[in-house]
Amino acid sequence: MKFLLLFDYFILSSILSRFAIIWSINAILFGTIDTIEAKKCQTKKDIVSSNLCDPLVKQYSGYITTSDNAHYFFWFFESRNNPESSPLTLYLNGGPGCSSMIGLFQELGPCQAVPNGKKVCSRSESWNEVSNLLFVDQPIGAGFSYGNRFLSTTEEAAEVLYEFLQLWFNRFPKYSRLDFHLFGESYAGHYIPATADLILKNNILKKKKKLNNTISINLKSIGIGNGLISPAIQYDSMTHYCEHNDYGHLLSPDIISIMKSNFPTCKKLIQKCAETSSPKDCGKAGDYFGTNYYSYFLDNSGLNPFDVRYPNTTTYTYPSPNYINYLKEPNVLKEIGAQTNYTECSEKANYPFIMEKADDMRDFLPVLSSIVNRGIRTLLFFGDADFGCNWMGGHNVSKAIKWKYQKQFNRAPFKEWYLGESESKGKIQTYCDLTFISVYEAGHEVPFYQPKASLEMFRRWINEEVID
């Protein structure tokens, strides 16, 4: 039996014909800048200001309509401290096809749901303590976003995000002058490199006066948590993680031996996908990986691949999705300007990425390398209890980034990470513009498990303070 696996919202399905890990964003161009400018004027009824979640700060939510008549939902919160000088951070969850309301309510936003999900309470470790925060539901089908055209590649998603930002900054011009940080997790390991690359390229075109009627985005850094960046490197680490993680042996030696013997073929197919990016080649890689490699963990470990400290059962829901009940309340929907029902993770949004284009198997290490080489500070942080996007694979990705200080980074010590406290919070390796952190006692959604350490990490990072 083959499965569909949605990262950020654990779904096992036998309906689809092949197993896939879901984390994706490819992109096609949406025409000219003229189309972006033509949609500049959003009607006021599409955007509202409420006092939900964090009543002490200015906030906006609602829709930005892009040139293909797609309606992207966002929820924005000003910083609790000095919003005029604080940076702006866009936060993206993965899937592909999962809502960024996951990040808002489960991880790092200004509020979190009470146990029954009917109300919310303030989160003291919210990242809007130090930054203005923007959450966007993308691609179409995720969360409250809706439209008739579903995306199928990372490049398409990056192009839409760029158009969204241009329209959003036109609607809220005072925030366009702030320093901008691009953060996310999981499939954002695809989204963020592609989007950052497009921002940098278009900034250059604007500077050369080859791209008019656009706003330069002051991209300062990117941050990726437990992200899928390079399948060939990261999947190769899975058996090593099973044997050498801090939580005990996850599989029997016999099963690990089978996985190791199957991986050379798997790696060859993934590398072919990286060379061609063709749906046919990438689909073959995804099929083989799911059937002859990843399925051995699912079928034999009995563990949750997002947090190996817990069993993998149909009743396991941790972090709890109870916030969904809050987003079903009619008064809440009205207050935030939602025009459709909430979908945490959309199979309709996911299907084109995974089943049609096999975008999840594509390699975004070259794009990430080019971003680091252009002087964009890059933070990779991984919870140490996540198997699917485990920290060992993430660490190997950081060491494989080809940039001018690659040798110096790889020679830098991988040392305990104290954050000014007596007890270590993880391990860190850092040099110049690149930092990798493995966070102790954390699963796939790091800020949920380690909220205090995550906020301090984020605060130091955006302020360019010593982080180790």
Protein backbone atom coordinates (compact mmCIF):
# COMPACT_ATOMS: atom_id res chain seq x y z
CA MET A 1 0.00 0.00 0.00
CA LYS A 2 1.27 3.46 -0.85
CA PHE A 3 0.58 6.59 1.13
CA LEU A 4 0.33 10.31 0.97
CA LEU A 5 2.10 12.00 3.87
CA LEU A 6 1.30 15.65 4.62
CA PHE A 7 4.05 17.25 6.68
CA ASP A 8 2.72 19.82 9.16
CA TYR A 9 -0.51 17.87 9.46
CA PHE A 10 -0.02 14.13 9.73
CA ILE A 11 -2.29 12.46 7.19
CA LEU A 12 -1.92 8.91 5.95
CA SER A 13 -4.07 8.12 2.95
CA SER A 14 -4.45 5.03 0.79
CA ILE A 15 -6.54 6.85 -1.79
CA LEU A 16 -3.66 8.26 -3.79
CA SER A 17 -1.60 5.98 -5.96
CA ARG A 18 1.86 6.76 -4.64
CA PHE A 19 3.51 7.63 -1.35
CA ALA A 20 4.83 11.16 -1.13
CA ILE A 21 6.40 13.43 1.41
CA ILE A 22 4.72 16.77 1.11
CA TRP A 23 6.72 19.94 1.20
CA SER A 24 6.72 21.88 -2.01
CA ILE A 25 6.66 25.02 -4.06
CA ASN A 26 7.63 25.47 -7.66
CA ALA A 27 6.67 28.46 -9.70
CA ILE A 28 5.54 29.87 -13.03
CA LEU A 29 5.51 33.50 -13.92
CA PHE A 30 2.23 35.34 -13.73
CA GLY A 31 2.83 37.72 -16.59
CA THR A 32 4.18 41.23 -16.36
CA ILE A 33 4.47 43.77 -13.61
CA ASP A 34 1.57 45.57 -15.27
CA THR A 35 -0.72 42.81 -14.03
CA ILE A 36 0.57 43.32 -10.50
CA GLU A 37 -0.03 47.05 -10.71
CA ALA A 38 -3.51 46.54 -12.15
CA LYS A 39 -4.56 44.69 -9.02
CA LYS A 40 -3.00 47.26 -6.70
CA CYS A 41 -6.28 48.59 -5.39
CA GLN A 42 -7.82 46.12 -2.99
CA THR A 43 -11.35 46.92 -1.90
CA LYS A 44 -11.57 47.87 1.76
CA LYS A 45 -14.15 45.19 2.44
CA ASP A 46 -11.48 42.58 1.68
CA ILE A 47 -9.36 43.70 4.64
CA VAL A 48 -10.51 44.23 8.23
CA SER A 49 -8.99 45.26 11.54
CA SER A 50 -10.01 43.31 14.63
CA ASN A 51 -8.94 42.97 18.25
CA LEU A 52 -8.84 39.17 18.33
CA CYS A 53 -5.80 37.10 19.34
CA ASP A 54 -3.74 40.10 20.47
CA PRO A 55 -6.01 43.06 21.32
CA LEU A 56 -3.09 45.23 22.43
CA VAL A 57 -1.51 45.57 18.97
CA LYS A 58 -2.68 46.84 15.62
CA GLN A 59 -3.67 43.99 13.34
CA TYR A 60 -5.17 43.41 9.91
CA SER A 61 -6.58 40.34 8.22
CA GLY A 62 -8.40 39.49 5.04
CA TYR A 63 -7.58 38.95 1.40
CA ILE A 64 -5.17 40.05 -1.28
CA THR A 65 -6.41 39.19 -4.78
CA THR A 66 -3.71 38.31 -7.31
CA SER A 67 -3.73 38.68 -11.08
CA ASP A 68 -5.25 35.24 -11.66
CA ASN A 69 -8.23 36.14 -9.44
CA ALA A 70 -6.95 34.04 -6.54
CA HIS A 71 -7.78 35.25 -3.04
CA TYR A 72 -4.96 34.85 -0.51
CA PHE A 73 -5.82 35.16 3.17
CA PHE A 74 -3.40 36.86 5.54
CA TRP A 75 -3.30 37.84 9.21
CA PHE A 76 -0.88 40.55 10.25
CA PHE A 77 0.14 41.65 13.76
CA GLU A 78 2.26 44.61 14.67
CA SER A 79 5.13 44.10 17.06
CA ARG A 80 4.32 44.47 20.76
CA ASN A 81 7.38 46.67 21.10
CA ASN A 82 8.38 49.51 18.78
CA PRO A 83 6.48 48.39 15.67
CA GLU A 84 7.73 51.39 13.68
CA SER A 85 11.35 50.23 13.95
CA SER A 86 10.84 46.47 14.34
CA PRO A 87 11.37 44.37 11.21
CA LEU A 88 8.63 42.56 9.29
CA THR A 89 8.72 38.75 9.26
CA LEU A 90 6.70 36.65 6.83
CA TYR A 91 6.09 33.17 8.25
CA LEU A 92 5.13 30.19 6.06
CA ASN A 93 4.06 26.69 6.96
CA GLY A 94 4.52 23.77 4.62
CA GLY A 95 2.54 20.87 3.23
CA PRO A 96 2.50 21.79 0.47
CA GLY A 97 -1.07 22.87 1.00
CA CYS A 98 -1.02 23.58 4.75
CA SER A 99 -2.19 26.80 6.36
CA SER A 100 0.13 29.24 8.11
CA MET A 101 -2.52 29.48 10.83
CA ILE A 102 -0.67 26.40 12.12
CA GLY A 103 2.34 28.58 12.83
CA LEU A 104 0.18 31.35 14.24
CA PHE A 105 -1.82 29.27 16.73
CA GLN A 106 0.36 26.22 17.44
CA GLU A 107 3.82 27.73 17.38
CA LEU A 108 4.77 31.39 17.50
CA GLY A 109 1.83 33.73 16.97
CA PRO A 110 0.38 36.15 19.55
CA CYS A 111 -2.26 33.71 20.83
CA GLN A 112 -2.98 30.03 21.32
CA ALA A 113 -6.17 28.06 21.79
CA VAL A 114 -7.41 26.90 25.19
CA PRO A 115 -7.97 23.10 25.48
CA ASN A 116 -11.50 23.07 24.05
CA GLY A 117 -10.47 25.41 21.24
CA LYS A 118 -13.41 27.75 21.72
CA LYS A 119 -11.30 30.64 22.98
CA VAL A 120 -7.71 31.81 22.84
CA CYS A 121 -5.24 33.13 25.36
CA SER A 122 -2.13 35.26 24.94
CA ARG A 123 1.22 33.65 24.12
CA SER A 124 3.99 35.37 26.04
CA GLU A 125 6.70 33.89 23.79
CA SER A 126 5.14 35.16 20.57
CA TRP A 127 7.59 36.29 17.93
CA ASN A 128 5.69 39.57 17.66
CA GLU A 129 7.43 40.49 20.91
CA VAL A 130 10.29 41.58 18.65
CA SER A 131 8.95 41.70 15.09
CA ASN A 132 5.89 42.59 13.06
CA LEU A 133 4.43 39.26 11.91
CA LEU A 134 2.66 38.36 8.67
CA PHE A 135 1.04 34.95 8.18
CA VAL A 136 -0.20 33.95 4.70
CA ASP A 137 -2.30 30.96 3.68
CA GLN A 138 -0.75 29.60 0.50
CA PRO A 139 -1.06 27.99 -1.99
CA ILE A 140 -4.73 28.31 -2.95
CA GLY A 141 -6.79 25.80 -1.00
CA ALA A 142 -4.78 26.15 2.20
CA GLY A 143 -6.47 27.72 5.21
CA PHE A 144 -8.92 30.43 4.15
CA SER A 145 -7.42 31.08 0.70
CA TYR A 146 -9.53 30.24 -2.32
CA GLY A 147 -9.53 30.41 -6.12
CA ASN A 148 -9.96 28.29 -9.22
CA ARG A 149 -6.35 27.64 -10.20
CA PHE A 150 -4.21 25.31 -8.12
CA LEU A 151 -0.43 25.66 -8.26
CA SER A 152 1.87 22.74 -8.95
CA THR A 153 5.48 23.87 -8.56
CA THR A 154 7.70 25.74 -6.12
CA GLU A 155 8.48 28.37 -8.74
CA GLU A 156 4.77 29.09 -9.18
CA ALA A 157 4.37 29.49 -5.44
CA ALA A 158 7.36 31.85 -5.25
CA GLU A 159 5.95 34.00 -8.04
CA VAL A 160 2.58 34.21 -6.31
CA LEU A 161 4.21 35.12 -2.99
CA TYR A 162 6.19 37.87 -4.68
CA GLU A 163 3.04 39.24 -6.29
CA PHE A 164 1.22 38.99 -2.96
CA LEU A 165 3.96 40.98 -1.22
CA GLN A 166 3.90 43.68 -3.89
CA LEU A 167 0.14 44.06 -3.51
CA TRP A 168 0.30 43.90 0.28
CA PHE A 169 3.00 46.57 0.46
CA ASN A 170 0.95 48.78 -1.85
CA ARG A 171 -1.95 48.39 0.56
CA PHE A 172 0.27 48.95 3.64
CA PRO A 173 3.15 51.12 2.35
CA LYS A 174 4.58 52.04 5.76
CA TYR A 175 5.65 48.43 6.34
CA SER A 176 7.47 48.24 2.99
CA ARG A 177 10.31 50.34 4.41
CA LEU A 178 11.08 47.88 7.21
CA ASP A 179 13.78 45.23 7.23
CA PHE A 180 12.24 42.00 5.93
CA HIS A 181 12.85 38.44 7.16
CA LEU A 182 11.49 35.30 5.50
CA PHE A 183 10.90 32.39 7.91
CA GLY A 184 9.09 29.08 7.72
CA GLU A 185 9.26 25.35 8.29
CA SER A 186 8.93 22.00 6.58
CA TYR A 187 8.10 22.47 2.88
CA ALA A 188 9.28 26.04 3.34
CA GLY A 189 12.68 24.46 2.69
CA HIS A 190 11.49 24.66 -0.92
CA TYR A 191 9.38 27.83 -0.70
CA ILE A 192 11.87 30.10 1.03
CA PRO A 193 14.95 29.63 -1.21
CA ALA A 194 12.81 30.08 -4.34
CA THR A 195 11.02 33.16 -2.98
CA ALA A 196 14.18 34.78 -1.64
CA ASP A 197 15.90 34.19 -4.98
CA LEU A 198 13.06 35.90 -6.84
CA ILE A 199 13.06 38.86 -4.44
CA LEU A 200 16.81 39.39 -4.91
CA LYS A 201 16.62 39.11 -8.70
CA ASN A 202 13.72 41.54 -8.97
CA ASN A 203 15.40 44.00 -6.60
CA ILE A 204 18.34 44.09 -9.02
CA LEU A 205 16.05 44.57 -12.02
CA LYS A 206 14.34 47.45 -10.27
CA LYS A 207 17.68 49.05 -9.40
CA LYS A 208 18.67 48.82 -13.08
CA LYS A 209 15.30 50.38 -14.00
CA LYS A 210 14.33 47.23 -15.89
CA LEU A 211 11.37 46.55 -13.60
CA ASN A 212 9.05 49.44 -12.93
CA ASN A 213 6.09 49.95 -10.61
CA THR A 214 7.45 47.54 -8.02
CA ILE A 215 8.67 47.94 -4.47
CA SER A 216 12.16 46.84 -3.46
CA ILE A 217 11.92 44.35 -0.61
CA ASN A 218 14.63 44.84 2.00
CA LEU A 219 15.40 41.15 2.52
CA LYS A 220 17.79 40.80 5.46
CA SER A 221 17.68 37.10 6.28
CA ILE A 222 15.95 33.77 5.85
CA GLY A 223 15.21 31.09 8.44
CA ILE A 224 14.16 27.50 7.78
CA GLY A 225 12.97 25.16 10.53
CA ASN A 226 13.07 21.39 9.91
CA GLY A 227 12.89 22.10 6.20
CA LEU A 228 13.04 19.81 3.20
CA ILE A 229 15.80 21.37 1.11
CA SER A 230 17.84 18.60 -0.53
CA PRO A 231 16.19 15.14 -0.62
CA ALA A 232 19.33 13.30 -1.76
CA ILE A 233 21.30 14.57 1.24
CA GLN A 234 18.55 14.52 3.84
CA TYR A 235 17.04 11.13 3.05
CA ASP A 236 20.50 9.58 3.13
CA SER A 237 20.65 10.52 6.83
CA MET A 238 17.52 8.63 7.87
CA THR A 239 19.16 5.31 8.71
CA HIS A 240 22.00 7.04 10.52
CA TYR A 241 19.45 8.98 12.55
CA CYS A 242 17.64 5.75 13.44
CA GLU A 243 20.86 4.36 14.89
CA HIS A 244 22.43 7.44 16.48
CA ASN A 245 19.70 9.80 17.69
CA ASP A 246 19.36 10.69 21.39
CA TYR A 247 16.14 8.74 21.91
CA GLY A 248 17.27 5.17 21.27
CA HIS A 249 17.33 2.78 18.31
CA LEU A 250 14.21 3.35 16.21
CA LEU A 251 14.40 0.28 13.96
CA SER A 252 15.85 -3.21 14.12
CA PRO A 253 19.26 -3.84 12.50
CA ASP A 254 17.59 -6.03 9.86
CA ILE A 255 15.21 -3.28 8.74
CA ILE A 256 17.99 -0.69 8.71
CA SER A 257 20.10 -3.05 6.61
CA ILE A 258 17.31 -3.32 4.03
CA MET A 259 16.92 0.46 3.91
CA LYS A 260 20.66 0.94 3.46
CA SER A 261 20.78 -1.58 0.63
CA ASN A 262 17.89 0.16 -1.13
CA PHE A 263 19.17 3.71 -0.79
CA PRO A 264 21.81 3.72 -3.60
CA THR A 265 19.03 3.16 -6.14
CA CYS A 266 16.91 5.74 -4.38
CA LYS A 267 19.74 8.28 -4.43
CA LYS A 268 20.42 7.67 -8.11
CA LEU A 269 16.78 8.38 -8.95
CA ILE A 270 16.71 11.51 -6.78
CA GLN A 271 19.87 12.80 -8.46
CA LYS A 272 18.28 12.20 -11.86
CA CYS A 273 15.31 14.26 -10.67
CA ALA A 274 17.69 17.03 -9.58
CA GLU A 275 19.32 17.03 -13.02
CA THR A 276 16.15 17.17 -15.11
CA SER A 277 13.37 18.43 -12.77
CA SER A 278 11.01 16.49 -15.01
CA PRO A 279 7.79 15.18 -13.39
CA LYS A 280 8.51 11.75 -14.85
CA ASP A 281 11.99 11.45 -13.32
CA CYS A 282 10.97 13.04 -10.03
CA GLY A 283 7.88 10.84 -9.86
CA LYS A 284 10.01 7.72 -10.21
CA ALA A 285 12.22 8.94 -7.39
CA GLY A 286 9.23 9.64 -5.17
CA ASP A 287 7.65 6.26 -5.88
CA TYR A 288 10.82 4.35 -5.10
CA PHE A 289 11.59 6.39 -2.00
CA GLY A 290 8.13 5.87 -0.56
CA THR A 291 7.84 2.17 -1.35
CA ASN A 292 11.39 0.94 -0.79
CA TYR A 293 12.73 3.28 1.88
CA TYR A 294 10.44 5.51 3.92
CA SER A 295 7.68 2.93 4.24
CA TYR A 296 10.03 0.70 6.24
CA PHE A 297 10.06 3.30 8.99
CA LEU A 298 6.29 3.77 8.95
CA ASP A 299 5.57 0.04 8.89
CA ASN A 300 8.11 -1.08 11.49
CA SER A 301 8.96 1.67 13.96
CA GLY A 302 5.54 2.31 15.49
CA LEU A 303 6.74 5.89 16.03
CA ASN A 304 5.53 9.29 14.93
CA PRO A 305 7.89 10.50 12.18
CA PHE A 306 7.49 14.12 13.35
CA ASP A 307 8.38 13.31 16.96
CA VAL A 308 9.97 9.93 17.59
CA ARG A 309 9.35 10.22 21.34
CA TYR A 310 5.68 9.39 20.72
CA PRO A 311 3.83 6.46 19.13
CA ASN A 312 2.35 6.75 15.67
CA THR A 313 -1.36 6.21 16.23
CA THR A 314 -4.48 7.55 14.56
CA THR A 315 -5.42 9.25 17.83
CA TYR A 316 -2.09 11.04 18.22
CA THR A 317 -2.59 14.76 17.71
CA TYR A 318 0.33 16.65 19.18
CA PRO A 319 0.59 19.57 18.84
CA SER A 320 -3.16 19.67 19.31
CA PRO A 321 -5.26 20.98 16.39
CA ASN A 322 -7.83 22.35 18.87
CA TYR A 323 -7.37 25.87 17.46
CA ILE A 324 -9.45 24.71 14.47
CA ASN A 325 -12.54 24.91 16.69
CA TYR A 326 -11.78 28.58 17.26
CA LEU A 327 -11.61 29.17 13.51
CA LYS A 328 -15.06 27.62 13.13
CA GLU A 329 -16.73 30.19 15.38
CA PRO A 330 -19.02 32.45 13.27
CA ASN A 331 -18.05 35.58 15.18
CA VAL A 332 -14.36 34.83 14.67
CA LEU A 333 -14.80 34.29 10.93
CA LYS A 334 -16.66 37.58 10.67
CA GLU A 335 -14.08 39.49 12.72
CA ILE A 336 -11.12 38.33 10.62
CA GLY A 337 -12.93 38.73 7.30
CA ALA A 338 -12.77 35.05 6.32
CA GLN A 339 -14.92 34.31 3.27
CA THR A 340 -14.70 30.52 3.28
CA ASN A 341 -14.42 27.66 5.76
CA TYR A 342 -11.01 26.80 7.16
CA THR A 343 -8.96 23.90 5.74
CA GLU A 344 -5.83 23.16 7.75
CA CYS A 345 -4.22 21.07 5.01
CA SER A 346 -5.73 20.70 1.55
CA GLU A 347 -5.32 17.55 -0.52
CA LYS A 348 -6.55 19.51 -3.54
CA ALA A 349 -3.70 21.96 -3.07
CA ASN A 350 -1.22 19.18 -2.39
CA TYR A 351 -2.10 16.88 -5.27
CA PRO A 352 -0.64 18.93 -8.17
CA PHE A 353 2.66 19.43 -6.34
CA ILE A 354 3.15 15.81 -5.37
CA MET A 355 1.15 13.61 -7.70
CA GLU A 356 1.48 15.62 -10.92
CA LYS A 357 4.91 17.29 -10.68
CA ALA A 358 6.65 15.37 -7.85
CA ASP A 359 7.98 18.74 -6.73
CA ASP A 360 8.88 17.35 -3.31
CA MET A 361 11.80 15.38 -4.75
CA ARG A 362 13.48 18.42 -6.30
CA ASP A 363 16.72 19.84 -4.91
CA PHE A 364 16.83 23.46 -3.69
CA LEU A 365 20.38 23.33 -2.35
CA PRO A 366 21.81 25.17 -5.40
CA VAL A 367 19.28 27.99 -4.95
CA LEU A 368 20.01 28.17 -1.22
CA SER A 369 23.75 28.27 -1.94
CA SER A 370 23.29 31.22 -4.28
CA ILE A 371 21.32 33.09 -1.62
CA VAL A 372 24.01 32.62 1.03
CA ASN A 373 26.63 33.65 -1.53
CA ARG A 374 24.75 36.91 -2.10
CA GLY A 375 25.19 37.84 1.56
CA ILE A 376 21.75 36.94 2.87
CA ARG A 377 22.09 35.69 6.43
CA THR A 378 20.71 32.16 6.65
CA LEU A 379 19.53 30.27 9.74
CA LEU A 380 18.72 26.55 9.65
CA PHE A 381 17.20 25.17 12.85
CA PHE A 382 16.00 21.60 13.42
CA GLY A 383 14.24 19.87 16.30
CA ASP A 384 16.22 16.78 17.29
CA ALA A 385 13.18 14.47 17.67
CA ASP A 386 11.93 14.84 14.08
CA PHE A 387 12.69 11.84 11.86
CA GLY A 388 11.28 12.97 8.49
CA CYS A 389 13.35 16.16 8.39
CA ASN A 390 15.90 15.13 10.95
CA TRP A 391 18.66 17.36 12.22
CA MET A 392 21.46 15.15 10.92
CA GLY A 393 20.25 15.59 7.35
CA GLY A 394 19.80 19.30 7.98
CA HIS A 395 23.32 19.56 9.33
CA ASN A 396 24.68 17.78 6.26
CA VAL A 397 22.80 20.26 4.07
CA SER A 398 24.40 23.18 5.91
CA LYS A 399 27.84 21.72 5.33
CA ALA A 400 27.06 21.12 1.63
CA ILE A 401 26.07 24.73 0.91
CA LYS A 402 28.54 25.99 -1.68
CA TRP A 403 29.56 29.51 -0.73
CA LYS A 404 32.73 31.50 -0.31
CA TYR A 405 33.16 30.53 3.34
CA GLN A 406 32.15 26.88 3.05
CA LYS A 407 35.51 25.61 4.31
CA GLN A 408 35.52 28.00 7.25
CA PHE A 409 31.97 27.04 8.22
CA ASN A 410 32.77 23.33 8.06
CA ARG A 411 35.83 23.85 10.27
CA ALA A 412 33.85 25.83 12.84
CA PRO A 413 33.04 23.89 16.04
CA PHE A 414 29.67 22.19 16.42
CA LYS A 415 29.21 23.10 20.05
CA GLU A 416 26.63 23.26 22.83
CA TRP A 417 24.13 26.11 22.53
CA TYR A 418 23.41 27.76 25.88
CA LEU A 419 21.66 31.05 25.03
CA GLY A 420 23.10 32.56 28.19
CA GLU A 421 21.69 29.83 30.45
CA SER A 422 23.36 27.07 32.44
CA GLU A 423 21.63 24.24 30.56
CA SER A 424 22.32 23.67 26.87
CA LYS A 425 19.36 24.12 24.51
CA GLY A 426 20.96 22.34 21.59
CA LYS A 427 24.06 22.44 19.43
CA ILE A 428 25.19 25.18 17.07
CA GLN A 429 27.63 25.66 14.21
CA THR A 430 28.04 29.17 12.84
CA TYR A 431 30.34 31.22 10.66
CA CYS A 432 29.69 34.59 9.09
CA ASP A 433 26.26 34.54 7.35
CA LEU A 434 25.37 30.87 7.94
CA THR A 435 24.14 29.27 11.18
CA PHE A 436 22.89 25.76 11.89
CA ILE A 437 21.18 24.80 15.17
CA SER A 438 19.94 21.44 16.43
CA VAL A 439 17.36 22.10 19.15
CA TYR A 440 17.09 19.59 22.00
CA GLU A 441 13.75 18.04 22.99
CA ALA A 442 11.88 19.39 19.96
CA GLY A 443 9.91 17.74 17.20
CA HIS A 444 8.98 19.04 13.75
CA GLU A 445 7.48 22.33 14.99
CA VAL A 446 10.38 23.72 17.04
CA PRO A 447 8.69 26.86 18.48
CA PHE A 448 5.87 24.73 19.91
CA TYR A 449 8.26 22.48 21.85
CA GLN A 450 10.81 25.11 22.87
CA PRO A 451 8.97 28.47 22.84
CA LYS A 452 11.36 30.37 25.11
CA ALA A 453 14.53 29.23 23.36
CA SER A 454 12.94 29.79 19.94
CA LEU A 455 11.96 33.36 20.74
CA GLU A 456 15.42 34.15 22.11
CA MET A 457 17.00 32.55 19.03
CA PHE A 458 14.77 34.65 16.78
CA ARG A 459 15.35 37.86 18.77
CA ARG A 460 19.12 37.53 18.63
CA TRP A 461 19.02 36.56 14.97
CA ILE A 462 16.99 39.50 13.67
CA ASN A 463 18.99 41.91 15.84
CA GLU A 464 22.25 40.45 14.50
CA GLU A 465 23.44 39.66 18.01
CA VAL A 466 25.75 36.81 18.97
CA ILE A 467 23.53 33.75 18.79
CA ASP A 468 25.88 31.12 20.22
